[in-house]
C-alpha atoms as a PDB file:
ATOM      1  CA  MET A   1      26.416 145.448 139.160  1.00  0.00           C
ATOM      2  CA  GLY A   2      26.560 146.640 142.728  1.00  0.00           C
ATOM      3  CA  ASN A   3      29.602 147.415 144.798  1.00  0.00           C
ATOM      4  CA  ASN A   4      29.678 143.843 146.062  1.00  0.00           C
ATOM      5  CA  GLU A   5      30.142 142.484 142.545  1.00  0.00           C
ATOM      6  CA  MET A   6      33.440 141.737 140.874  1.00  0.00           C
ATOM      7  CA  LYS A   7      33.878 143.918 137.791  1.00  0.00           C
ATOM      8  CA  ARG A   8      37.377 142.862 136.735  1.00  0.00           C
ATOM      9  CA  ILE A   9      39.590 139.859 137.413  1.00  0.00           C
ATOM     10  CA  CYS A  10      43.383 139.991 137.141  1.00  0.00           C
ATOM     11  CA  ILE A  11      45.029 136.950 135.581  1.00  0.00           C
ATOM     12  CA  PHE A  12      48.676 136.008 136.121  1.00  0.00           C
ATOM     13  CA  CYS A  13      49.953 133.438 133.608  1.00  0.00           C
ATOM     14  CA  GLY A  14      52.896 132.378 131.498  1.00  0.00           C
ATOM     15  CA  SER A  15      54.392 134.160 128.509  1.00  0.00           C
ATOM     16  CA  ASN A  16      54.769 130.640 127.086  1.00  0.00           C
ATOM     17  CA  THR A  17      51.956 128.177 126.397  1.00  0.00           C
ATOM     18  CA  GLY A  18      53.631 125.312 128.262  1.00  0.00           C
ATOM     19  CA  ALA A  19      54.146 121.668 127.436  1.00  0.00           C
ATOM     20  CA  GLN A  20      50.487 120.596 127.482  1.00  0.00           C
ATOM     21  CA  VAL A  21      47.648 121.720 125.236  1.00  0.00           C
ATOM     22  CA  ALA A  22      45.425 121.578 128.328  1.00  0.00           C
ATOM     23  CA  TYR A  23      46.920 124.871 129.487  1.00  0.00           C
ATOM     24  CA  THR A  24      45.755 126.635 126.337  1.00  0.00           C
ATOM     25  CA  ASN A  25      42.347 124.962 126.461  1.00  0.00           C
ATOM     26  CA  ILE A  26      41.765 125.983 130.070  1.00  0.00           C
ATOM     27  CA  ALA A  27      42.903 129.550 129.371  1.00  0.00           C
ATOM     28  CA  GLN A  28      40.299 129.787 126.620  1.00  0.00           C
ATOM     29  CA  GLN A  29      37.692 128.261 128.931  1.00  0.00           C
ATOM     30  CA  LEU A  30      38.569 130.775 131.651  1.00  0.00           C
ATOM     31  CA  GLY A  31      38.252 133.653 129.189  1.00  0.00           C
ATOM     32  CA  LYS A  32      34.731 132.579 128.256  1.00  0.00           C
ATOM     33  CA  ALA A  33      33.799 132.077 131.907  1.00  0.00           C
ATOM     34  CA  ILE A  34      35.010 135.585 132.795  1.00  0.00           C
ATOM     35  CA  VAL A  35      32.814 137.201 130.137  1.00  0.00           C
ATOM     36  CA  SER A  36      29.808 135.009 130.939  1.00  0.00           C
ATOM     37  CA  ARG A  37      29.926 136.345 134.512  1.00  0.00           C
ATOM     38  CA  GLY A  38      29.948 139.938 133.309  1.00  0.00           C
ATOM     39  CA  MET A  39      33.554 140.595 134.225  1.00  0.00           C
ATOM     40  CA  GLY A  40      36.460 142.178 132.400  1.00  0.00           C
ATOM     41  CA  LEU A  41      40.067 140.981 132.260  1.00  0.00           C
ATOM     42  CA  VAL A  42      43.162 142.737 133.585  1.00  0.00           C
ATOM     43  CA  TYR A  43      46.471 141.152 132.659  1.00  0.00           C
ATOM     44  CA  GLY A  44      50.073 141.877 131.718  1.00  0.00           C
ATOM     45  CA  GLY A  45      49.335 143.191 128.234  1.00  0.00           C
ATOM     46  CA  GLY A  46      51.298 140.642 126.238  1.00  0.00           C
ATOM     47  CA  ASP A  47      50.369 138.914 122.999  1.00  0.00           C
ATOM     48  CA  VAL A  48      52.465 135.805 123.674  1.00  0.00           C
ATOM     49  CA  GLY A  49      51.926 132.537 125.515  1.00  0.00           C
ATOM     50  CA  LEU A  50      48.956 131.977 127.798  1.00  0.00           C
ATOM     51  CA  MET A  51      48.755 135.754 128.227  1.00  0.00           C
ATOM     52  CA  GLY A  52      47.783 136.134 124.582  1.00  0.00           C
ATOM     53  CA  VAL A  53      45.449 133.136 124.743  1.00  0.00           C
ATOM     54  CA  ILE A  54      43.415 134.472 127.673  1.00  0.00           C
ATOM     55  CA  ALA A  55      43.247 137.978 126.194  1.00  0.00           C
ATOM     56  CA  ASN A  56      42.078 136.712 122.812  1.00  0.00           C
ATOM     57  CA  ALA A  57      39.508 134.421 124.430  1.00  0.00           C
ATOM     58  CA  VAL A  58      37.925 137.357 126.291  1.00  0.00           C
ATOM     59  CA  LEU A  59      38.065 139.602 123.217  1.00  0.00           C
ATOM     60  CA  GLN A  60      36.426 136.904 121.104  1.00  0.00           C
ATOM     61  CA  GLU A  61      33.519 136.895 123.559  1.00  0.00           C
ATOM     62  CA  LYS A  62      33.271 140.714 123.262  1.00  0.00           C
ATOM     63  CA  GLY A  63      34.615 141.222 126.767  1.00  0.00           C
ATOM     64  CA  GLU A  64      36.725 144.064 128.144  1.00  0.00           C
ATOM     65  CA  VAL A  65      40.495 143.508 128.282  1.00  0.00           C
ATOM     66  CA  ILE A  66      42.887 145.952 129.950  1.00  0.00           C
ATOM     67  CA  GLY A  67      46.579 145.217 129.507  1.00  0.00           C
ATOM     68  CA  VAL A  68      49.308 146.774 131.645  1.00  0.00           C
ATOM     69  CA  ILE A  69      52.843 146.556 130.279  1.00  0.00           C
ATOM     70  CA  PRO A  70      56.170 148.317 130.917  1.00  0.00           C
ATOM     71  CA  HIS A  71      57.450 150.521 128.094  1.00  0.00           C
ATOM     72  CA  ALA A  72      60.514 148.321 127.596  1.00  0.00           C
ATOM     73  CA  LEU A  73      58.434 145.180 126.970  1.00  0.00           C
ATOM     74  CA  ALA A  74      56.017 147.041 124.710  1.00  0.00           C
ATOM     75  CA  LYS A  75      58.948 148.228 122.585  1.00  0.00           C
ATOM     76  CA  LYS A  76      60.024 144.612 122.075  1.00  0.00           C
ATOM     77  CA  GLU A  77      56.722 144.131 120.225  1.00  0.00           C
ATOM     78  CA  LEU A  78      55.323 141.874 122.939  1.00  0.00           C
ATOM     79  CA  ALA A  79      52.328 144.149 123.551  1.00  0.00           C
ATOM     80  CA  HIS A  80      48.909 143.034 122.333  1.00  0.00           C
ATOM     81  CA  GLN A  81      47.640 145.621 119.841  1.00  0.00           C
ATOM     82  CA  GLY A  82      43.961 144.640 119.859  1.00  0.00           C
ATOM     83  CA  LEU A  83      42.972 145.270 123.472  1.00  0.00           C
ATOM     84  CA  THR A  84      40.160 147.408 124.833  1.00  0.00           C
ATOM     85  CA  GLU A  85      42.851 149.409 126.566  1.00  0.00           C
ATOM     86  CA  LEU A  86      46.650 149.113 126.816  1.00  0.00           C
ATOM     87  CA  ARG A  87      48.296 151.021 129.634  1.00  0.00           C
ATOM     88  CA  GLN A  88      52.065 151.472 129.444  1.00  0.00           C
ATOM     89  CA  VAL A  89      53.963 152.040 132.675  1.00  0.00           C
ATOM     90  CA  ALA A  90      57.568 152.757 133.617  1.00  0.00           C
ATOM     91  CA  ASN A  91      58.516 149.449 135.221  1.00  0.00           C
ATOM     92  CA  MET A  92      57.400 146.104 136.660  1.00  0.00           C
ATOM     93  CA  HIS A  93      56.596 147.595 140.068  1.00  0.00           C
ATOM     94  CA  GLU A  94      54.178 150.104 138.539  1.00  0.00           C
ATOM     95  CA  ARG A  95      52.717 147.347 136.404  1.00  0.00           C
ATOM     96  CA  LYS A  96      51.820 145.163 139.392  1.00  0.00           C
ATOM     97  CA  ALA A  97      50.484 148.083 141.411  1.00  0.00           C
ATOM     98  CA  MET A  98      48.228 149.216 138.566  1.00  0.00           C
ATOM     99  CA  MET A  99      47.009 145.679 137.844  1.00  0.00           C
ATOM    100  CA  GLY A 100      46.142 145.325 141.511  1.00  0.00           C
ATOM    101  CA  LYS A 101      44.242 148.613 141.696  1.00  0.00           C
ATOM    102  CA  LEU A 102      42.248 147.895 138.515  1.00  0.00           C
ATOM    103  CA  SER A 103      41.116 144.445 139.697  1.00  0.00           C
ATOM    104  CA  ASP A 104      38.609 143.033 142.170  1.00  0.00           C
ATOM    105  CA  GLY A 105      40.325 139.650 142.428  1.00  0.00           C
ATOM    106  CA  PHE A 106      43.247 137.581 141.164  1.00  0.00           C
ATOM    107  CA  ILE A 107      43.806 134.201 139.499  1.00  0.00           C
ATOM    108  CA  ALA A 108      47.165 132.577 138.835  1.00  0.00           C
ATOM    109  CA  MET A 109      47.332 130.082 135.978  1.00  0.00           C
ATOM    110  CA  PRO A 110      50.346 127.951 135.028  1.00  0.00           C
ATOM    111  CA  GLY A 111      53.450 130.034 134.456  1.00  0.00           C
ATOM    112  CA  GLY A 112      57.041 130.547 135.524  1.00  0.00           C
ATOM    113  CA  PHE A 113      58.953 132.819 137.878  1.00  0.00           C
ATOM    114  CA  GLY A 114      57.000 135.941 136.907  1.00  0.00           C
ATOM    115  CA  THR A 115      53.629 134.295 137.524  1.00  0.00           C
ATOM    116  CA  LEU A 116      54.720 132.902 140.887  1.00  0.00           C
ATOM    117  CA  GLU A 117      56.211 136.230 141.916  1.00  0.00           C
ATOM    118  CA  GLU A 118      52.974 138.063 141.069  1.00  0.00           C
ATOM    119  CA  LEU A 119      50.904 135.476 142.936  1.00  0.00           C
ATOM    120  CA  PHE A 120      52.966 135.628 146.098  1.00  0.00           C
ATOM    121  CA  GLU A 121      53.119 139.408 146.033  1.00  0.00           C
ATOM    122  CA  VAL A 122      49.320 139.778 146.034  1.00  0.00           C
ATOM    123  CA  VAL A 123      49.059 137.111 148.752  1.00  0.00           C
ATOM    124  CA  THR A 124      51.628 139.009 150.801  1.00  0.00           C
ATOM    125  CA  TRP A 125      49.718 142.250 150.210  1.00  0.00           C
ATOM    126  CA  ALA A 126      46.564 140.537 151.507  1.00  0.00           C
ATOM    127  CA  GLN A 127      48.425 139.205 154.554  1.00  0.00           C
ATOM    128  CA  LEU A 128      49.594 142.744 155.313  1.00  0.00           C
ATOM    129  CA  GLY A 129      46.066 144.096 154.926  1.00  0.00           C
ATOM    130  CA  LEU A 130      46.804 146.139 151.807  1.00  0.00           C
ATOM    131  CA  HIS A 131      43.791 144.618 150.050  1.00  0.00           C
ATOM    132  CA  THR A 132      40.917 142.230 150.734  1.00  0.00           C
ATOM    133  CA  LYS A 133      40.509 140.926 147.184  1.00  0.00           C
ATOM    134  CA  PRO A 134      40.131 137.154 146.694  1.00  0.00           C
ATOM    135  CA  ILE A 135      43.023 135.152 145.231  1.00  0.00           C
ATOM    136  CA  GLY A 136      42.645 131.953 143.218  1.00  0.00           C
ATOM    137  CA  LEU A 137      44.922 129.267 141.848  1.00  0.00           C
ATOM    138  CA  LEU A 138      43.736 127.532 138.662  1.00  0.00           C
ATOM    139  CA  ASN A 139      45.308 124.127 139.169  1.00  0.00           C
ATOM    140  CA  VAL A 140      45.326 122.813 135.592  1.00  0.00           C
ATOM    141  CA  GLU A 141      46.253 119.117 135.335  1.00  0.00           C
ATOM    142  CA  GLY A 142      47.718 119.232 138.856  1.00  0.00           C
ATOM    143  CA  PHE A 143      50.239 121.896 137.805  1.00  0.00           C
ATOM    144  CA  PHE A 144      50.268 123.478 141.270  1.00  0.00           C
ATOM    145  CA  ASP A 145      50.034 120.282 143.355  1.00  0.00           C
ATOM    146  CA  LEU A 146      53.673 120.428 144.462  1.00  0.00           C
ATOM    147  CA  LEU A 147      53.409 124.130 145.275  1.00  0.00           C
ATOM    148  CA  LEU A 148      50.276 123.566 147.371  1.00  0.00           C
ATOM    149  CA  ALA A 149      51.986 120.696 149.193  1.00  0.00           C
ATOM    150  CA  PHE A 150      54.949 122.969 149.907  1.00  0.00           C
ATOM    151  CA  LEU A 151      52.665 125.709 151.261  1.00  0.00           C
ATOM    152  CA  ASN A 152      51.042 123.154 153.561  1.00  0.00           C
ATOM    153  CA  HIS A 153      54.535 122.155 154.711  1.00  0.00           C
ATOM    154  CA  VAL A 154      55.414 125.807 155.389  1.00  0.00           C
ATOM    155  CA  HIS A 155      52.197 126.114 157.420  1.00  0.00           C
ATOM    156  CA  LEU A 156      53.029 122.989 159.440  1.00  0.00           C
ATOM    157  CA  GLU A 157      56.476 124.443 160.125  1.00  0.00           C
ATOM    158  CA  HIS A 158      54.764 127.535 161.601  1.00  0.00           C
ATOM    159  CA  PHE A 159      55.891 130.049 158.985  1.00  0.00           C
ATOM    160  CA  ILE A 160      52.377 130.634 157.584  1.00  0.00           C
ATOM    161  CA  GLN A 161      49.386 130.973 159.888  1.00  0.00           C
ATOM    162  CA  LYS A 162      46.276 128.976 158.987  1.00  0.00           C
ATOM    163  CA  LYS A 163      44.202 132.102 158.242  1.00  0.00           C
ATOM    164  CA  TYR A 164      46.831 133.229 155.738  1.00  0.00           C
ATOM    165  CA  ARG A 165      47.218 129.807 154.144  1.00  0.00           C
ATOM    166  CA  HIS A 166      43.493 129.976 153.363  1.00  0.00           C
ATOM    167  CA  LEU A 167      43.947 133.194 151.411  1.00  0.00           C
ATOM    168  CA  ILE A 168      44.632 131.049 148.332  1.00  0.00           C
ATOM    169  CA  ILE A 169      41.513 129.426 146.840  1.00  0.00           C
ATOM    170  CA  GLU A 170      42.235 126.483 144.537  1.00  0.00           C
ATOM    171  CA  SER A 171      40.294 124.624 141.860  1.00  0.00           C
ATOM    172  CA  HIS A 172      40.977 122.815 138.577  1.00  0.00           C
ATOM    173  CA  SER A 173      37.758 124.239 137.092  1.00  0.00           C
ATOM    174  CA  PRO A 174      37.754 127.827 135.736  1.00  0.00           C
ATOM    175  CA  GLU A 175      34.019 128.200 136.307  1.00  0.00           C
ATOM    176  CA  LYS A 176      34.102 126.825 139.837  1.00  0.00           C
ATOM    177  CA  LEU A 177      37.135 128.930 140.762  1.00  0.00           C
ATOM    178  CA  LEU A 178      35.499 132.125 139.502  1.00  0.00           C
ATOM    179  CA  ASP A 179      32.322 131.352 141.424  1.00  0.00           C
ATOM    180  CA  MET A 180      34.346 130.681 144.601  1.00  0.00           C
ATOM    181  CA  LEU A 181      36.146 134.015 144.190  1.00  0.00           C
ATOM    182  CA  ILE A 182      32.842 135.823 143.604  1.00  0.00           C
ATOM    183  CA  GLN A 183      31.400 134.233 146.755  1.00  0.00           C
ATOM    184  CA  ARG A 184      34.403 135.217 148.852  1.00  0.00           C
ATOM    185  CA  HIS A 185      34.281 138.746 147.434  1.00  0.00           C
ATOM    186  CA  ARG A 186      30.623 139.028 148.435  1.00  0.00           C
ATOM    187  CA  SER A 187      31.188 137.638 151.921  1.00  0.00           C
ATOM    188  CA  GLU A 188      34.086 140.053 152.484  1.00  0.00           C
ATOM    189  CA  THR A 189      35.781 137.844 155.029  1.00  0.00           C
ATOM    190  CA  THR A 190      38.656 140.234 155.539  1.00  0.00           C
ATOM    191  CA  LEU A 191      41.755 140.253 157.647  1.00  0.00           C
ATOM    192  CA  PRO A 192      42.648 143.190 159.931  1.00  0.00           C
ATOM    193  CA  LYS A 193      44.085 146.089 157.966  1.00  0.00           C
ATOM    194  CA  PHE A 194      47.226 147.485 159.489  1.00  0.00           C
ATOM    195  CA  LEU A 195      48.959 149.049 156.456  1.00  0.00           C
ATOM    196  CA  ASP A 196      47.922 151.369 153.658  1.00  0.00           C
ATOM    197  CA  TRP A 197      49.204 151.365 150.070  1.00  0.00           C
ATOM    198  CA  GLU A 198      50.865 154.722 150.749  1.00  0.00           C
ATOM    199  CA  ASP A 199      52.868 153.271 153.646  1.00  0.00           C
ATOM    200  CA  THR A 200      54.671 150.834 151.384  1.00  0.00           C
END
């Protein structure tokens, strides 16, 4: 793959499987789609919830899986022991920074506070020009409909500019979302860079 190809995708998702079996099914579907496009997975390193489902789906397809987990969580036996590579870091801040640096794009699946926090942090990083990697929202069974409506409201209230609102690509289909991210990655429609990682 050339430099314009996505080698690894970072997935943010819940440490629970949620109330609907559709979440698990779509996570497995996404795992297969990632491998079929020649990409590896970067994720939070856990063996629980949708995190474990997506990791196992990629591993089952003989794909690469890199987990990044803080020491404290790994000690609680939440770390997946069968990954291609498990990187242990000191804290959550290091975890997110390493996940970001290892990845060529991001997808948020259904999850709770942690998933939303990770999503909005990488969107904020993109807004600040810290990275130009595409960001997707896998909207399983309308899970993110209310969030998307709220973001549109925030835009209409002039707190998010239109160009930044469009940083988030949304689809209910894992395959379509991946292809949209790949296309945006290739087109490199970037925003002006006015900060470096080291400045933050």
